[in-house]
C-alpha atoms as a PDB file:
ATOM      1  CA  MET A   1     -31.846   7.991   2.691  1.00  0.00           C
ATOM      2  CA  THR A   2     -30.753   5.340   0.223  1.00  0.00           C
ATOM      3  CA  GLU A   3     -27.986   3.142   1.495  1.00  0.00           C
ATOM      4  CA  PHE A   4     -24.469   2.764  -0.529  1.00  0.00           C
ATOM      5  CA  THR A   5     -23.587  -0.465  -2.039  1.00  0.00           C
ATOM      6  CA  ILE A   6     -20.324  -2.621  -2.232  1.00  0.00           C
ATOM      7  CA  PHE A   7     -19.286  -4.746  -5.181  1.00  0.00           C
ATOM      8  CA  THR A   8     -16.722  -6.413  -6.162  1.00  0.00           C
ATOM      9  CA  VAL A   9     -14.420  -5.184  -9.068  1.00  0.00           C
ATOM     10  CA  ASP A  10     -12.688  -8.087 -11.157  1.00  0.00           C
ATOM     11  CA  SER A  11     -10.872  -8.588 -14.530  1.00  0.00           C
ATOM     12  CA  SER A  12     -14.503  -8.750 -16.376  1.00  0.00           C
ATOM     13  CA  ASN A  13     -15.363  -5.341 -15.138  1.00  0.00           C
ATOM     14  CA  ILE A  14     -12.771  -3.130 -14.133  1.00  0.00           C
ATOM     15  CA  GLU A  15     -13.169  -1.158 -17.381  1.00  0.00           C
ATOM     16  CA  ALA A  16     -16.835  -0.685 -16.777  1.00  0.00           C
ATOM     17  CA  HIS A  17     -16.143   0.356 -13.124  1.00  0.00           C
ATOM     18  CA  GLY A  18     -12.921   2.204 -12.884  1.00  0.00           C
ATOM     19  CA  MET A  19     -11.143   2.744  -9.611  1.00  0.00           C
ATOM     20  CA  PHE A  20     -11.902   5.026  -6.810  1.00  0.00           C
ATOM     21  CA  CYS A  21      -8.620   6.305  -6.294  1.00  0.00           C
ATOM     22  CA  VAL A  22      -7.993   7.527 -10.056  1.00  0.00           C
ATOM     23  CA  LYS A  23     -10.842   8.493 -12.090  1.00  0.00           C
ATOM     24  CA  ASN A  24      -9.021   9.356 -15.483  1.00  0.00           C
ATOM     25  CA  LYS A  25      -8.708   6.000 -17.426  1.00  0.00           C
ATOM     26  CA  LYS A  26      -6.008   7.286 -19.385  1.00  0.00           C
ATOM     27  CA  HIS A  27      -3.732   8.290 -16.390  1.00  0.00           C
ATOM     28  CA  PRO A  28      -0.466   6.496 -16.411  1.00  0.00           C
ATOM     29  CA  GLY A  29      -0.991   5.157 -12.904  1.00  0.00           C
ATOM     30  CA  TYR A  30      -4.401   3.994 -13.828  1.00  0.00           C
ATOM     31  CA  VAL A  31      -3.114   2.254 -16.799  1.00  0.00           C
ATOM     32  CA  ALA A  32      -0.299   0.158 -14.550  1.00  0.00           C
ATOM     33  CA  LYS A  33      -2.560  -0.175 -11.555  1.00  0.00           C
ATOM     34  CA  ARG A  34      -5.142  -1.738 -13.713  1.00  0.00           C
ATOM     35  CA  GLU A  35      -2.541  -4.286 -15.385  1.00  0.00           C
ATOM     36  CA  TRP A  36      -1.439  -4.794 -11.768  1.00  0.00           C
ATOM     37  CA  LEU A  37      -4.625  -5.653 -10.435  1.00  0.00           C
ATOM     38  CA  ARG A  38      -5.533  -8.054 -13.412  1.00  0.00           C
ATOM     39  CA  ARG A  39      -2.228 -10.297 -12.607  1.00  0.00           C
ATOM     40  CA  ARG A  40      -3.138 -10.213  -8.678  1.00  0.00           C
ATOM     41  CA  PHE A  41      -6.907 -11.359  -9.190  1.00  0.00           C
ATOM     42  CA  LYS A  42      -5.580 -14.775 -10.385  1.00  0.00           C
ATOM     43  CA  GLU A  43      -3.630 -14.523  -6.622  1.00  0.00           C
ATOM     44  CA  GLY A  44      -6.832 -13.916  -5.084  1.00  0.00           C
ATOM     45  CA  LEU A  45      -6.894 -10.412  -4.466  1.00  0.00           C
ATOM     46  CA  ARG A  46      -9.887  -8.792  -4.147  1.00  0.00           C
ATOM     47  CA  PHE A  47     -11.002  -5.150  -4.852  1.00  0.00           C
ATOM     48  CA  LYS A  48     -14.246  -4.052  -3.524  1.00  0.00           C
ATOM     49  CA  GLN A  49     -15.646  -0.417  -3.980  1.00  0.00           C
ATOM     50  CA  ILE A  50     -18.490   1.378  -2.804  1.00  0.00           C
ATOM     51  CA  ILE A  51     -20.932   3.136  -4.918  1.00  0.00           C
ATOM     52  CA  ALA A  52     -23.261   5.672  -3.581  1.00  0.00           C
ATOM     53  CA  PRO A  53     -26.707   6.862  -5.241  1.00  0.00           C
ATOM     54  CA  GLY A  54     -25.730   8.602  -8.853  1.00  0.00           C
ATOM     55  CA  ASP A  55     -23.155   5.909  -9.364  1.00  0.00           C
ATOM     56  CA  LYS A  56     -20.726   7.734  -7.347  1.00  0.00           C
ATOM     57  CA  LEU A  57     -17.635   5.920  -6.040  1.00  0.00           C
ATOM     58  CA  ALA A  58     -17.354   6.707  -2.162  1.00  0.00           C
ATOM     59  CA  GLY A  59     -14.333   4.507  -0.909  1.00  0.00           C
ATOM     60  CA  PHE A  60     -12.510   1.132  -1.748  1.00  0.00           C
ATOM     61  CA  LEU A  61     -10.791  -1.843   0.261  1.00  0.00           C
ATOM     62  CA  GLU A  62      -8.025  -3.992  -1.438  1.00  0.00           C
ATOM     63  CA  TYR A  63      -7.077  -7.455   0.101  1.00  0.00           C
ATOM     64  CA  ILE A  64      -5.257 -10.619  -0.877  1.00  0.00           C
ATOM     65  CA  PRO A  65      -4.278 -13.747   0.896  1.00  0.00           C
ATOM     66  CA  GLY A  66      -1.077 -13.230   2.991  1.00  0.00           C
ATOM     67  CA  GLU A  67       1.140 -15.790   1.050  1.00  0.00           C
ATOM     68  CA  TYR A  68       0.732 -12.975  -1.888  1.00  0.00           C
ATOM     69  CA  THR A  69       0.802  -9.840  -0.005  1.00  0.00           C
ATOM     70  CA  TRP A  70       2.667  -7.111  -0.857  1.00  0.00           C
ATOM     71  CA  ARG A  71       3.092  -5.669   2.438  1.00  0.00           C
ATOM     72  CA  VAL A  72       6.136  -6.903   4.202  1.00  0.00           C
ATOM     73  CA  VAL A  73       4.812  -8.839   6.907  1.00  0.00           C
ATOM     74  CA  GLU A  74       4.701 -12.871   7.795  1.00  0.00           C
ATOM     75  CA  ALA A  75       1.021 -13.565   7.219  1.00  0.00           C
ATOM     76  CA  ARG A  76       0.365 -16.553   6.238  1.00  0.00           C
ATOM     77  CA  GLY A  77      -3.112 -18.165   6.471  1.00  0.00           C
ATOM     78  CA  TYR A  78      -4.562 -14.303   6.811  1.00  0.00           C
ATOM     79  CA  LEU A  79      -6.123 -11.874   4.396  1.00  0.00           C
ATOM     80  CA  VAL A  80      -3.757  -8.836   4.256  1.00  0.00           C
ATOM     81  CA  ILE A  81      -5.567  -5.529   3.510  1.00  0.00           C
ATOM     82  CA  HIS A  82      -3.341  -3.198   1.139  1.00  0.00           C
ATOM     83  CA  CYS A  83      -5.498  -0.326   0.815  1.00  0.00           C
ATOM     84  CA  LEU A  84      -8.336   1.003   2.890  1.00  0.00           C
ATOM     85  CA  TRP A  85      -9.926   4.694   1.452  1.00  0.00           C
ATOM     86  CA  VAL A  86     -13.261   5.864   1.786  1.00  0.00           C
ATOM     87  CA  GLU A  87     -14.421   9.713   1.559  1.00  0.00           C
ATOM     88  CA  SER A  88     -15.772  10.097   4.973  1.00  0.00           C
ATOM     89  CA  LYS A  89     -15.987  13.788   4.991  1.00  0.00           C
ATOM     90  CA  LYS A  90     -17.391  14.274   1.479  1.00  0.00           C
ATOM     91  CA  SER A  91     -20.139  11.614   1.452  1.00  0.00           C
ATOM     92  CA  PRO A  92     -23.303  11.713   3.759  1.00  0.00           C
ATOM     93  CA  TYR A  93     -22.963   7.988   4.499  1.00  0.00           C
ATOM     94  CA  LYS A  94     -21.884   6.476   7.696  1.00  0.00           C
ATOM     95  CA  GLY A  95     -20.181   3.106   8.189  1.00  0.00           C
ATOM     96  CA  MET A  96     -18.424   2.614   4.958  1.00  0.00           C
ATOM     97  CA  ALA A  97     -15.298   1.797   6.299  1.00  0.00           C
ATOM     98  CA  SER A  98     -16.865  -0.770   8.785  1.00  0.00           C
ATOM     99  CA  ALA A  99     -19.262  -2.049   6.075  1.00  0.00           C
ATOM    100  CA  LEU A 100     -15.903  -2.958   4.137  1.00  0.00           C
ATOM    101  CA  LEU A 101     -13.867  -4.352   6.858  1.00  0.00           C
ATOM    102  CA  ASP A 102     -17.032  -6.414   7.484  1.00  0.00           C
ATOM    103  CA  ALA A 103     -17.131  -7.720   4.225  1.00  0.00           C
ATOM    104  CA  CYS A 104     -13.424  -8.781   4.477  1.00  0.00           C
ATOM    105  CA  MET A 105     -13.884 -10.618   7.493  1.00  0.00           C
ATOM    106  CA  ASP A 106     -16.792 -12.300   5.848  1.00  0.00           C
ATOM    107  CA  ASP A 107     -14.465 -13.699   3.078  1.00  0.00           C
ATOM    108  CA  ALA A 108     -11.979 -14.617   5.784  1.00  0.00           C
ATOM    109  CA  ARG A 109     -14.345 -16.604   7.411  1.00  0.00           C
ATOM    110  CA  SER A 110     -15.598 -18.420   4.183  1.00  0.00           C
ATOM    111  CA  ALA A 111     -12.338 -19.070   3.216  1.00  0.00           C
ATOM    112  CA  GLY A 112     -11.152 -20.635   6.456  1.00  0.00           C
ATOM    113  CA  LYS A 113      -8.772 -18.007   7.097  1.00  0.00           C
ATOM    114  CA  LYS A 114      -6.785 -17.329  10.311  1.00  0.00           C
ATOM    115  CA  GLY A 115      -8.301 -13.784  10.072  1.00  0.00           C
ATOM    116  CA  VAL A 116      -7.668 -10.429   9.021  1.00  0.00           C
ATOM    117  CA  THR A 117      -4.531  -8.108   9.038  1.00  0.00           C
ATOM    118  CA  VAL A 118      -3.272  -4.722   8.326  1.00  0.00           C
ATOM    119  CA  VAL A 119      -0.363  -2.457   8.453  1.00  0.00           C
ATOM    120  CA  ALA A 120      -1.228   1.137   9.890  1.00  0.00           C
ATOM    121  CA  SER A 121       0.961   4.035  10.464  1.00  0.00           C
ATOM    122  CA  ASP A 122       1.181   7.158  12.451  1.00  0.00           C
ATOM    123  CA  GLY A 123       3.216   8.936   9.691  1.00  0.00           C
ATOM    124  CA  PRO A 124       1.795   9.866   6.293  1.00  0.00           C
ATOM    125  CA  TRP A 125       0.372   7.921   3.343  1.00  0.00           C
ATOM    126  CA  MET A 126      -1.501   5.306   5.039  1.00  0.00           C
ATOM    127  CA  VAL A 127      -4.344   4.851   7.508  1.00  0.00           C
ATOM    128  CA  GLY A 128      -3.896   5.324  10.831  1.00  0.00           C
ATOM    129  CA  LYS A 129      -5.067   1.985  13.425  1.00  0.00           C
ATOM    130  CA  SER A 130      -7.977   3.791  14.944  1.00  0.00           C
ATOM    131  CA  VAL A 131     -10.779   2.746  12.404  1.00  0.00           C
ATOM    132  CA  PHE A 132      -9.102  -1.131  12.886  1.00  0.00           C
ATOM    133  CA  ILE A 133      -9.278  -0.568  16.507  1.00  0.00           C
ATOM    134  CA  LYS A 134     -12.860   0.590  16.358  1.00  0.00           C
ATOM    135  CA  ASN A 135     -13.723  -2.590  14.283  1.00  0.00           C
ATOM    136  CA  GLY A 136     -12.364  -5.025  16.616  1.00  0.00           C
ATOM    137  CA  PHE A 137      -8.667  -5.310  15.274  1.00  0.00           C
ATOM    138  CA  GLU A 138      -5.851  -5.424  18.108  1.00  0.00           C
ATOM    139  CA  GLN A 139      -2.366  -4.448  17.697  1.00  0.00           C
ATOM    140  CA  VAL A 140      -0.146  -7.202  17.214  1.00  0.00           C
ATOM    141  CA  ASP A 141       3.324  -5.754  16.527  1.00  0.00           C
ATOM    142  CA  GLU A 142       4.790  -2.627  15.831  1.00  0.00           C
ATOM    143  CA  THR A 143       8.298  -1.483  14.238  1.00  0.00           C
ATOM    144  CA  PRO A 144      10.095   1.852  13.843  1.00  0.00           C
ATOM    145  CA  PRO A 145       9.424   4.314  12.985  1.00  0.00           C
ATOM    146  CA  HIS A 146       5.759   4.752  12.869  1.00  0.00           C
ATOM    147  CA  PHE A 147       4.250   1.095  11.773  1.00  0.00           C
ATOM    148  CA  GLN A 148       2.059  -0.849  13.479  1.00  0.00           C
ATOM    149  CA  LEU A 149       0.488  -4.526  12.384  1.00  0.00           C
ATOM    150  CA  LEU A 150      -3.116  -4.963  13.760  1.00  0.00           C
ATOM    151  CA  ALA A 151      -4.914  -8.390  12.941  1.00  0.00           C
ATOM    152  CA  LYS A 152      -8.619  -9.495  13.632  1.00  0.00           C
ATOM    153  CA  ARG A 153      -7.994 -12.854  14.302  1.00  0.00           C
ATOM    154  CA  ILE A 154     -10.561 -16.200  14.262  1.00  0.00           C
ATOM    155  CA  GLY A 155     -10.064 -18.227  17.026  1.00  0.00           C
ATOM    156  CA  SER A 156      -6.729 -18.423  18.588  1.00  0.00           C
ATOM    157  CA  ALA A 157      -4.660 -18.506  15.621  1.00  0.00           C
ATOM    158  CA  ARG A 158      -1.252 -17.376  16.051  1.00  0.00           C
ATOM    159  CA  PRO A 159      -0.862 -13.632  15.269  1.00  0.00           C
ATOM    160  CA  PRO A 160       1.051 -12.127  12.263  1.00  0.00           C
ATOM    161  CA  THR A 161       4.504 -10.531  12.775  1.00  0.00           C
ATOM    162  CA  PHE A 162       6.673  -7.960  11.054  1.00  0.00           C
ATOM    163  CA  PRO A 163      10.242  -9.404  10.111  1.00  0.00           C
ATOM    164  CA  THR A 164      13.106  -8.131  12.392  1.00  0.00           C
ATOM    165  CA  ASP A 165      16.156  -8.020   9.521  1.00  0.00           C
ATOM    166  CA  TRP A 166      15.324  -4.661   8.433  1.00  0.00           C
ATOM    167  CA  ASP A 167      18.949  -3.312   8.773  1.00  0.00           C
ATOM    168  CA  LYS A 168      20.090  -6.228   6.946  1.00  0.00           C
ATOM    169  CA  ARG A 169      18.139  -5.427   4.200  1.00  0.00           C
ATOM    170  CA  LEU A 170      19.156  -1.452   4.330  1.00  0.00           C
ATOM    171  CA  PHE A 171      22.854  -2.404   4.471  1.00  0.00           C
ATOM    172  CA  ARG A 172      22.419  -4.146   1.125  1.00  0.00           C
ATOM    173  CA  ARG A 173      21.991  -1.189  -0.538  1.00  0.00           C
ATOM    174  CA  LYS A 174      25.088   1.178  -1.029  1.00  0.00           C
ATOM    175  CA  SER A 175      24.177   3.431  -3.959  1.00  0.00           C
ATOM    176  CA  LEU A 176      21.037   5.759  -4.277  1.00  0.00           C
ATOM    177  CA  GLN A 177      18.398   3.700  -5.088  1.00  0.00           C
ATOM    178  CA  LEU A 178      14.486   3.665  -5.403  1.00  0.00           C
ATOM    179  CA  LEU A 179      12.642   0.676  -5.151  1.00  0.00           C
ATOM    180  CA  TYR A 180       8.834   0.655  -6.279  1.00  0.00           C
ATOM    181  CA  THR A 181       5.982  -1.355  -7.162  1.00  0.00           C
ATOM    182  CA  ASP A 182       2.736  -0.672  -9.319  1.00  0.00           C
ATOM    183  CA  GLN A 183       0.727  -1.325  -6.727  1.00  0.00           C
ATOM    184  CA  CYS A 184      -0.171   2.209  -5.983  1.00  0.00           C
ATOM    185  CA  PRO A 185      -1.096   4.608  -9.080  1.00  0.00           C
ATOM    186  CA  PHE A 186       0.543   7.753  -7.466  1.00  0.00           C
ATOM    187  CA  ILE A 187       3.873   6.083  -7.308  1.00  0.00           C
ATOM    188  CA  GLY A 188       4.607   6.538 -11.136  1.00  0.00           C
ATOM    189  CA  LYS A 189       4.932  10.345 -10.768  1.00  0.00           C
ATOM    190  CA  ALA A 190       7.995   9.945  -8.352  1.00  0.00           C
ATOM    191  CA  VAL A 191       9.560   7.044 -10.507  1.00  0.00           C
ATOM    192  CA  ARG A 192       9.543   9.750 -13.533  1.00  0.00           C
ATOM    193  CA  GLU A 193      10.122  12.973 -11.585  1.00  0.00           C
ATOM    194  CA  LEU A 194      12.981  11.959  -9.326  1.00  0.00           C
ATOM    195  CA  PRO A 195      15.837  10.582 -11.740  1.00  0.00           C
ATOM    196  CA  PRO A 196      16.238  13.949 -13.730  1.00  0.00           C
ATOM    197  CA  VAL A 197      16.511  15.676 -10.188  1.00  0.00           C
ATOM    198  CA  ALA A 198      19.341  13.483  -9.232  1.00  0.00           C
ATOM    199  CA  LYS A 199      21.250  14.011 -12.584  1.00  0.00           C
ATOM    200  CA  ARG A 200      21.034  18.066 -11.455  1.00  0.00           C
ATOM    201  CA  TYR A 201      22.863  17.076  -8.485  1.00  0.00           C
ATOM    202  CA  GLY A 202      25.387  15.482  -9.847  1.00  0.00           C
ATOM    203  CA  THR A 203      24.288  11.736  -8.957  1.00  0.00           C
ATOM    204  CA  ARG A 204      22.506   8.919 -10.351  1.00  0.00           C
ATOM    205  CA  LEU A 205      19.227   7.518  -8.891  1.00  0.00           C
ATOM    206  CA  ARG A 206      19.027   3.865  -9.520  1.00  0.00           C
ATOM    207  CA  ILE A 207      15.459   2.526 -10.328  1.00  0.00           C
ATOM    208  CA  VAL A 208      14.387  -0.901  -9.252  1.00  0.00           C
ATOM    209  CA  GLU A 209      11.146  -2.276  -9.838  1.00  0.00           C
ATOM    210  CA  ILE A 210       9.933  -4.944  -7.522  1.00  0.00           C
ATOM    211  CA  LYS A 211       7.872  -7.488  -9.700  1.00  0.00           C
ATOM    212  CA  SER A 212       6.516  -9.844  -7.319  1.00  0.00           C
ATOM    213  CA  ALA A 213       5.102 -10.227  -3.891  1.00  0.00           C
ATOM    214  CA  ALA A 214       7.712 -12.700  -2.835  1.00  0.00           C
ATOM    215  CA  GLU A 215      10.600 -10.247  -3.916  1.00  0.00           C
ATOM    216  CA  ALA A 216       8.796  -7.181  -2.264  1.00  0.00           C
ATOM    217  CA  ARG A 217       8.692  -9.062   1.033  1.00  0.00           C
ATOM    218  CA  LYS A 218      12.144 -10.050   0.931  1.00  0.00           C
ATOM    219  CA  ARG A 219      13.799  -6.959  -0.381  1.00  0.00           C
ATOM    220  CA  PHE A 220      11.645  -3.848   0.973  1.00  0.00           C
ATOM    221  CA  ALA A 221      13.111  -2.231   4.199  1.00  0.00           C
ATOM    222  CA  SER A 222       9.794  -1.060   5.438  1.00  0.00           C
ATOM    223  CA  PRO A 223       6.509  -2.487   6.191  1.00  0.00           C
ATOM    224  CA  TYR A 224       4.556  -0.596   3.568  1.00  0.00           C
ATOM    225  CA  GLY A 225       6.302  -2.389   0.692  1.00  0.00           C
ATOM    226  CA  MET A 226       5.681  -0.044  -2.118  1.00  0.00           C
ATOM    227  CA  PHE A 227       8.314   2.609  -2.157  1.00  0.00           C
ATOM    228  CA  ASN A 228      11.989   2.827  -0.470  1.00  0.00           C
ATOM    229  CA  LEU A 229      14.333   5.779  -1.516  1.00  0.00           C
ATOM    230  CA  VAL A 230      17.644   4.048   0.189  1.00  0.00           C
ATOM    231  CA  HIS A 231      21.296   5.186   0.208  1.00  0.00           C
ATOM    232  CA  ASP A 232      24.136   3.647   1.902  1.00  0.00           C
ATOM    233  CA  GLY A 233      22.297   1.767   4.420  1.00  0.00           C
ATOM    234  CA  ARG A 234      19.827   4.412   5.223  1.00  0.00           C
ATOM    235  CA  LEU A 235      16.049   4.686   4.580  1.00  0.00           C
ATOM    236  CA  LEU A 236      15.541   8.061   3.237  1.00  0.00           C
ATOM    237  CA  ALA A 237      11.498   7.817   2.438  1.00  0.00           C
ATOM    238  CA  ASP A 238       9.368   5.091   2.841  1.00  0.00           C
ATOM    239  CA  HIS A 239       6.501   6.603   0.573  1.00  0.00           C
ATOM    240  CA  ALA A 240       6.245   8.137  -2.776  1.00  0.00           C
ATOM    241  CA  ILE A 241       7.382  11.681  -2.439  1.00  0.00           C
ATOM    242  CA  SER A 242       7.468  14.801  -4.678  1.00  0.00           C
ATOM    243  CA  ALA A 243      10.303  16.189  -6.554  1.00  0.00           C
ATOM    244  CA  THR A 244      10.941  18.816  -4.234  1.00  0.00           C
ATOM    245  CA  ARG A 245      11.068  16.973  -1.323  1.00  0.00           C
ATOM    246  CA  PHE A 246      13.713  14.657  -3.198  1.00  0.00           C
ATOM    247  CA  LYS A 247      15.639  18.004  -3.798  1.00  0.00           C
ATOM    248  CA  ASN A 248      15.702  18.585  -0.046  1.00  0.00           C
ATOM    249  CA  ILE A 249      16.703  15.206   0.985  1.00  0.00           C
ATOM    250  CA  LEU A 250      19.661  15.288  -1.517  1.00  0.00           C
ATOM    251  CA  GLU A 251      20.591  18.582   0.185  1.00  0.00           C
ATOM    252  CA  ARG A 252      20.225  17.847   3.580  1.00  0.00           C
ATOM    253  CA  GLU A 253      20.964  14.325   4.199  1.00  0.00           C
ATOM    254  CA  LEU A 254      23.398  13.687   1.476  1.00  0.00           C
ATOM    255  CA  ASN A 255      25.170  17.078   1.364  1.00  0.00           C
ATOM    256  CA  LEU A 256      24.935  17.403  -2.008  1.00  0.00           C
ATOM    257  CA  THR A 257      24.634  20.964  -4.282  1.00  0.00           C
ATOM    258  CA  HIS A 258      22.767  21.594  -7.624  1.00  0.00           C
ATOM    259  CA  LYS A 259      24.739  21.769 -10.746  1.00  0.00           C
ATOM    260  CA  THR A 260      24.529  24.605 -12.873  1.00  0.00           C
END
């Protein structure tokens, strides 16, 4: 059986190769993510995709130096994985995730980094830690409600860490706010759909776009660092949600009712 191959996407070939997670190049999320990537390539971001026979995309890995990561971690000197996604259930090829992680470790060694680190989760939206443990990562930190920080260190480097000021970050937020970035192409849907729902419930949802990695690491109230729905010192959602889920939050958590 012909093996899959790994190739690196950059500014020169992104239009030709596209993106695994969003195939439609006219999709608003694709456009936003493409422009976000073009800015990040200058900061050392690497975007590797797996191509199977027949030019079929079967997975990808995105990672960046810790000084520029959008995950809320202290990982200076490490490469930080943002996203890992492979079609293991649809593809006949084994070892795709391991091959991508090996390529990332090779880059870390070549660049003289301390290692590679990643945020995993027992909750929705993010990869669980088992695939990383299988590939030699160790858990080095954790934080409620469901996040773990894993690392594969080179030598005796000090491990990366999560911040410890989550409550302080939350209590800066009194109004109903949605903080987001364009890193994930699926977040834009929530940004468009949630404000009209808030209005129907007689409240205002303030939209705050986070435009730099340093700002993300400073302001987000969860390690995911791409989407925070907050209100009055509470984190109501730490990943993109549907309009229906938002409606339920307004009713059950904020005790609001639909305005007819």
